[in-house]
Amino acid sequence: MARATFSIRRGGRETAELVDYQTDVTEGMVVLDAVHQIQAESAPDLACRWNCKAGKCGSCSAEINGMPRLMCMTRLDTIDLTQKVTIEPMRAFPPVKDLITDVSWNYEVKKRIKKFKPRKPDAEDGTWRIQQEDVDRVQEFRKCIECYLCQDVCHVLRDHAKHQEFIGPRFLVYSAALEMHPLDTEDRTGDLKDLFGIGYCNITKCCTKVCPEHITITDNAIIPLKERVVDEHYDPIGKLVKLFRKEKG
């Protein structure tokens, strides 16, 4: 058993400060365990979100020593406990109290994305025929638990607060899951270019690094979407082909 110091953000929307707490830590503990222990011992009014404690609900997102991580999946034996462990809420969203942030902006963003629009069935019985490799391509994106760590680490949202112009990595993944679906017929490239700010992403891959589900966000979702936007709206040869087809039609 050892004793460690945790510096936790306390306060509401307007004012806040880092408050130090000491507690005993034992083998196998995660950061969320330490927070619960501090609540039990010395700070019963400390506010934090959590639910499954298994890395599947995305509720306990926070910044641990400045890095966006899930508290329930961050083992204390991976942290230098000889130094203060700083725990703060996600910086990309407005603080509510202590470790809780208001992430409702994300729900509004999701409503703006065009929904799934399937093509007509391939058979008279109402079934479709699709290749397994096409199914596998989008399956990875369905692992997202909406912890919003990728949103938090993204410099466009975190440092530049472009929330009105950029939907963030999470919803570029969501858009990719729809755009690459073998049955979907909707075109979202115009919205990605004009409304959702895909051009702001400079593919630093920081979102991929923090994803607890290990989704290859940048390479498998964002870059292919950028390519689709370029092909549809900036490729001069493609524009000529479309113009020719239009005139011929």
Protein backbone atom coordinates (compact mmCIF):
# COMPACT_ATOMS: atom_id res chain seq x y z
CA MET A 1 0.00 0.00 0.00
CA ALA A 2 1.21 3.51 -0.88
CA ARG A 3 -0.12 7.00 -0.42
CA ALA A 4 -0.65 9.25 -3.41
CA THR A 5 -1.76 12.84 -3.95
CA PHE A 6 -4.47 13.67 -6.48
CA SER A 7 -5.02 17.25 -7.60
CA ILE A 8 -8.66 17.43 -8.71
CA ARG A 9 -10.52 20.26 -10.36
CA ARG A 10 -13.27 21.54 -8.04
CA GLY A 11 -15.83 24.19 -8.88
CA GLY A 12 -18.60 25.15 -11.27
CA ARG A 13 -18.85 26.95 -14.59
CA GLU A 14 -17.48 30.30 -13.47
CA THR A 15 -14.85 29.60 -10.83
CA ALA A 16 -12.74 26.53 -10.17
CA GLU A 17 -9.45 25.49 -8.62
CA LEU A 18 -7.30 22.42 -8.21
CA VAL A 19 -7.67 20.86 -4.75
CA ASP A 20 -5.20 18.30 -3.43
CA TYR A 21 -6.39 15.05 -1.82
CA GLN A 22 -4.31 12.24 -0.40
CA THR A 23 -5.46 8.64 -0.31
CA ASP A 24 -4.04 5.13 -0.06
CA VAL A 25 -3.62 3.22 -3.30
CA THR A 26 -3.24 -0.52 -3.71
CA GLU A 27 -2.37 -2.91 -6.48
CA GLY A 28 -4.88 -3.11 -9.31
CA MET A 29 -6.54 0.27 -8.67
CA VAL A 30 -7.55 2.58 -11.52
CA VAL A 31 -8.00 6.35 -11.37
CA LEU A 32 -11.77 6.00 -10.94
CA ASP A 33 -11.17 3.84 -7.85
CA ALA A 34 -9.06 6.63 -6.35
CA VAL A 35 -11.76 9.21 -7.11
CA HIS A 36 -14.41 7.03 -5.43
CA GLN A 37 -12.13 6.54 -2.45
CA ILE A 38 -11.62 10.30 -2.15
CA GLN A 39 -15.39 10.77 -2.32
CA ALA A 40 -15.83 8.28 0.53
CA GLU A 41 -13.06 9.65 2.71
CA SER A 42 -12.91 13.41 2.30
CA ALA A 43 -14.99 14.88 -0.53
CA PRO A 44 -18.53 13.45 -0.59
CA ASP A 45 -19.69 16.32 -2.81
CA LEU A 46 -17.11 15.65 -5.54
CA ALA A 47 -19.03 15.31 -8.83
CA CYS A 48 -17.99 12.86 -11.54
CA ARG A 49 -19.77 10.72 -14.10
CA TRP A 50 -19.33 6.97 -14.32
CA ASN A 51 -21.46 3.95 -15.10
CA CYS A 52 -20.02 0.62 -16.26
CA LYS A 53 -16.43 0.82 -14.92
CA ALA A 54 -15.50 -1.47 -17.80
CA GLY A 55 -14.52 0.99 -20.54
CA LYS A 56 -17.72 0.49 -22.52
CA CYS A 57 -20.03 3.38 -21.58
CA GLY A 58 -17.71 6.36 -22.11
CA SER A 59 -19.08 8.19 -19.07
CA CYS A 60 -15.90 8.72 -17.04
CA SER A 61 -13.93 10.69 -19.62
CA ALA A 62 -11.50 13.16 -18.06
CA GLU A 63 -8.01 14.57 -18.46
CA ILE A 64 -5.40 12.76 -16.39
CA ASN A 65 -2.12 14.68 -16.23
CA GLY A 66 -3.34 16.63 -19.25
CA MET A 67 -4.16 13.57 -21.38
CA PRO A 68 -7.79 12.74 -22.32
CA ARG A 69 -8.46 9.24 -20.97
CA LEU A 70 -11.13 7.07 -19.39
CA MET A 71 -10.68 7.07 -15.62
CA CYS A 72 -11.88 3.48 -15.35
CA MET A 73 -9.26 2.24 -17.84
CA THR A 74 -6.26 4.16 -16.51
CA ARG A 75 -4.36 1.97 -14.09
CA LEU A 76 -2.48 3.70 -11.31
CA ASP A 77 0.57 1.50 -11.87
CA THR A 78 1.02 3.25 -15.25
CA ILE A 79 1.30 6.67 -13.57
CA ASP A 80 4.19 8.17 -11.58
CA LEU A 81 2.59 8.38 -8.13
CA THR A 82 5.60 10.14 -6.65
CA GLN A 83 4.20 13.25 -8.36
CA LYS A 84 0.74 14.79 -8.01
CA VAL A 85 -1.82 13.18 -10.31
CA THR A 86 -3.92 15.91 -11.91
CA ILE A 87 -7.54 15.06 -12.79
CA GLU A 88 -9.56 17.63 -14.74
CA PRO A 89 -12.71 17.60 -16.91
CA MET A 90 -12.54 17.60 -20.71
CA ARG A 91 -11.49 21.05 -21.88
CA ALA A 92 -13.30 21.01 -25.22
CA PHE A 93 -16.71 21.30 -23.54
CA PRO A 94 -18.23 23.71 -20.98
CA PRO A 95 -17.65 22.66 -17.35
CA VAL A 96 -20.69 21.98 -15.20
CA LYS A 97 -19.23 21.01 -11.85
CA ASP A 98 -15.94 19.44 -10.79
CA LEU A 99 -15.18 16.66 -13.32
CA ILE A 100 -18.47 16.93 -15.21
CA THR A 101 -18.79 18.73 -18.55
CA ASP A 102 -21.77 19.59 -20.74
CA VAL A 103 -21.44 17.40 -23.84
CA SER A 104 -24.93 18.13 -25.23
CA TRP A 105 -23.39 19.93 -28.22
CA ASN A 106 -22.43 16.51 -29.57
CA TYR A 107 -26.04 15.33 -29.59
CA GLU A 108 -27.09 18.38 -31.61
CA VAL A 109 -24.30 17.77 -34.13
CA LYS A 110 -25.46 14.21 -34.69
CA LYS A 111 -28.96 15.42 -35.58
CA ARG A 112 -27.53 17.54 -38.42
CA ILE A 113 -25.98 14.61 -40.27
CA LYS A 114 -28.13 13.08 -43.02
CA LYS A 115 -29.50 9.72 -41.94
CA PHE A 116 -29.10 6.34 -43.56
CA LYS A 117 -30.91 6.10 -46.91
CA PRO A 118 -30.83 2.57 -48.37
CA ARG A 119 -31.05 1.72 -52.04
CA LYS A 120 -33.90 -0.36 -53.38
CA PRO A 121 -33.73 -4.10 -52.57
CA ASP A 122 -31.91 -6.30 -55.06
CA ALA A 123 -34.52 -9.06 -54.96
CA GLU A 124 -38.29 -9.21 -55.09
CA ASP A 125 -38.41 -10.59 -51.55
CA GLY A 126 -36.99 -7.29 -50.23
CA THR A 127 -33.43 -8.47 -49.56
CA TRP A 128 -30.10 -6.93 -50.56
CA ARG A 129 -26.94 -8.53 -51.84
CA ILE A 130 -23.71 -7.09 -50.47
CA GLN A 131 -20.09 -8.19 -50.24
CA GLN A 132 -18.70 -9.20 -46.85
CA GLU A 133 -15.66 -6.98 -47.35
CA ASP A 134 -17.96 -3.97 -47.67
CA VAL A 135 -19.64 -4.90 -44.40
CA ASP A 136 -16.28 -5.37 -42.68
CA ARG A 137 -15.10 -1.94 -43.78
CA VAL A 138 -17.67 -0.06 -41.69
CA GLN A 139 -17.87 -2.52 -38.79
CA GLU A 140 -14.91 -0.90 -37.03
CA PHE A 141 -16.76 2.41 -36.73
CA ARG A 142 -19.61 0.78 -34.80
CA LYS A 143 -17.29 0.16 -31.85
CA CYS A 144 -17.45 3.86 -30.86
CA ILE A 145 -18.71 4.32 -27.28
CA GLU A 146 -19.09 8.11 -27.64
CA CYS A 147 -16.70 8.91 -24.82
CA TYR A 148 -15.77 12.07 -26.81
CA LEU A 149 -12.09 11.76 -25.96
CA CYS A 150 -11.31 12.21 -29.66
CA GLN A 151 -13.37 15.41 -29.64
CA ASP A 152 -11.54 16.62 -26.56
CA VAL A 153 -8.03 16.03 -27.91
CA CYS A 154 -8.78 17.59 -31.31
CA HIS A 155 -7.02 20.98 -31.45
CA VAL A 156 -9.76 22.44 -33.69
CA LEU A 157 -12.26 22.07 -30.84
CA ARG A 158 -9.94 22.09 -27.82
CA ASP A 159 -7.68 25.02 -28.69
CA HIS A 160 -9.59 26.96 -31.34
CA ALA A 161 -13.21 26.33 -30.24
CA LYS A 162 -14.52 25.88 -33.80
CA HIS A 163 -17.63 24.10 -32.54
CA GLN A 164 -19.91 25.99 -34.92
CA GLU A 165 -17.81 25.12 -37.96
CA PHE A 166 -16.36 21.66 -37.27
CA ILE A 167 -18.15 18.49 -36.17
CA GLY A 168 -15.04 16.76 -34.82
CA PRO A 169 -13.54 13.27 -35.22
CA ARG A 170 -16.40 11.42 -33.57
CA PHE A 171 -18.91 12.60 -36.15
CA LEU A 172 -16.54 12.24 -39.05
CA VAL A 173 -16.40 8.58 -37.99
CA TYR A 174 -20.21 8.52 -37.84
CA SER A 175 -20.40 10.11 -41.30
CA ALA A 176 -17.89 7.60 -42.64
CA ALA A 177 -19.96 4.71 -41.28
CA LEU A 178 -22.90 6.01 -43.32
CA GLU A 179 -20.98 7.11 -46.43
CA MET A 180 -19.16 3.79 -46.73
CA HIS A 181 -22.17 1.61 -46.00
CA PRO A 182 -22.75 -0.60 -49.05
CA LEU A 183 -26.50 0.10 -49.07
CA ASP A 184 -26.49 3.85 -48.43
CA THR A 185 -27.34 6.22 -51.31
CA GLU A 186 -27.22 9.60 -49.54
CA ASP A 187 -24.51 12.13 -50.49
CA ARG A 188 -22.97 13.95 -47.51
CA THR A 189 -19.84 15.28 -49.23
CA GLY A 190 -21.34 18.74 -49.72
CA ASP A 191 -22.20 19.03 -46.04
CA LEU A 192 -18.77 17.73 -45.04
CA LYS A 193 -17.16 20.43 -47.19
CA ASP A 194 -19.43 23.41 -46.45
CA LEU A 195 -21.10 22.79 -43.10
CA PHE A 196 -19.01 20.28 -41.15
CA GLY A 197 -15.53 21.70 -41.72
CA ILE A 198 -13.68 18.57 -42.76
CA GLY A 199 -10.96 20.81 -44.18
CA TYR A 200 -10.02 21.91 -40.66
CA CYS A 201 -8.64 18.46 -39.87
CA ASN A 202 -4.91 18.32 -40.58
CA ILE A 203 -4.66 14.59 -39.80
CA THR A 204 -2.36 14.76 -36.77
CA LYS A 205 -3.81 11.38 -35.67
CA CYS A 206 -4.16 12.55 -32.05
CA CYS A 207 -7.79 11.35 -32.10
CA THR A 208 -6.66 7.85 -33.10
CA LYS A 209 -4.13 7.78 -30.27
CA VAL A 210 -6.68 8.46 -27.50
CA CYS A 211 -9.48 6.20 -28.77
CA PRO A 212 -10.14 3.52 -26.10
CA GLU A 213 -11.73 1.27 -28.72
CA HIS A 214 -8.64 1.53 -30.96
CA ILE A 215 -10.62 2.76 -33.96
CA THR A 216 -8.25 3.90 -36.70
CA ILE A 217 -10.08 7.21 -36.96
CA THR A 218 -7.69 9.16 -39.17
CA ASP A 219 -6.60 6.55 -41.71
CA ASN A 220 -9.83 4.59 -42.07
CA ALA A 221 -12.48 7.32 -41.65
CA ILE A 222 -11.24 10.89 -42.05
CA ILE A 223 -8.77 10.48 -44.92
CA PRO A 224 -11.23 8.47 -47.08
CA LEU A 225 -13.89 11.13 -46.45
CA LYS A 226 -11.44 13.86 -47.49
CA GLU A 227 -10.75 11.91 -50.67
CA ARG A 228 -14.45 11.66 -51.41
CA VAL A 229 -14.91 15.40 -50.92
CA VAL A 230 -11.98 16.15 -53.25
CA ASP A 231 -13.21 13.71 -55.90
CA GLU A 232 -16.74 15.11 -55.79
CA HIS A 233 -16.06 18.84 -55.53
CA TYR A 234 -12.49 19.66 -56.57
CA ASP A 235 -11.45 17.14 -59.24
CA PRO A 236 -11.45 19.07 -62.58
CA ILE A 237 -11.70 15.92 -64.67
CA GLY A 238 -14.63 14.71 -62.60
CA LYS A 239 -16.37 18.05 -63.13
CA LEU A 240 -15.93 17.77 -66.88
CA VAL A 241 -17.36 14.24 -66.87
CA LYS A 242 -20.38 15.41 -64.86
CA LEU A 243 -20.88 18.39 -67.19
CA PHE A 244 -20.66 16.13 -70.25
CA ARG A 245 -23.18 13.70 -68.78
CA LYS A 246 -25.51 16.53 -67.88
CA GLU A 247 -25.38 18.02 -71.39
CA LYS A 248 -25.80 14.60 -72.96
CA GLY A 249 -28.78 13.91 -70.72
